[in-house]
Amino acid sequence: MARRKVANPLALVVLAELLAEPMHPYEIGRRLKEHDHDSTVKYNRGSLYMVVEQLKKAGFIAERETVRDTQRPERTVYALTGAGRDELYAWLRELLAQPQEEYPRFGVALSLLVVLDPAEATALLGERLEALTAQIAEIRETVRGATEQGVMWVFLVEDEYELATLDTECRFVTRLMESLQRPDYIRQWQQMMGSRQ
């Protein structure tokens, strides 16, 4: 796995947006929202401008021109450099081909699950299951609507990935809830936790 000069995933999205055409950070931010990248990459206006500056220092983008109209302050338009184009393709290829370790917060909670009373843990996981089910319904509705409007499937692939991930998590949570309710687990948990009190 290559060591990146700018490793923030927002940088990859900015490079991809600049592949289409040169633009200023405000326009990049508008397009990120328009293309629904704010659902896959966390950012705010400050972090976007910081990433643009990092990409500039790394030589992946360059100032093209400064524009000003009478109603707005000056805006610097940035363009992708040859090095930026190479970085975009290399980074994207790496992310698609090589699984990387991620550290989801749910994994942390699962590693500490034994701390909670099995009944409480089951109830909390039930709440999670309801939230996941609602999220799945919302995404499916979004995909259905976009498909009916003629959006090409490749532009919905991240939604399909999220649906597959959420469906898998629902099945996992359901099985976990069943395991937490087994009398042998409850008995073992009571013995283990009773010795700690």
Foldseek 3Di string as FASTA:
>chain_A
DDDDLDDAVVLLLLLVVLVVHWAFLVVSVVVCVVLVVCVVHPDDSVVSVVSVVSCVVVVQKHFDDWDDDPPDDITTIIHGDPVNVVCSVVVVVCPVPPDDDDDDPVVVCVVVVLVDQLVVSLVVLVVVLVVLVVVLVVLVVVVVVCVVVPNDVVSCVVSVVVNVVSVVVNVVSVVVNVVSPDPVNNVVSCVVVVVVD
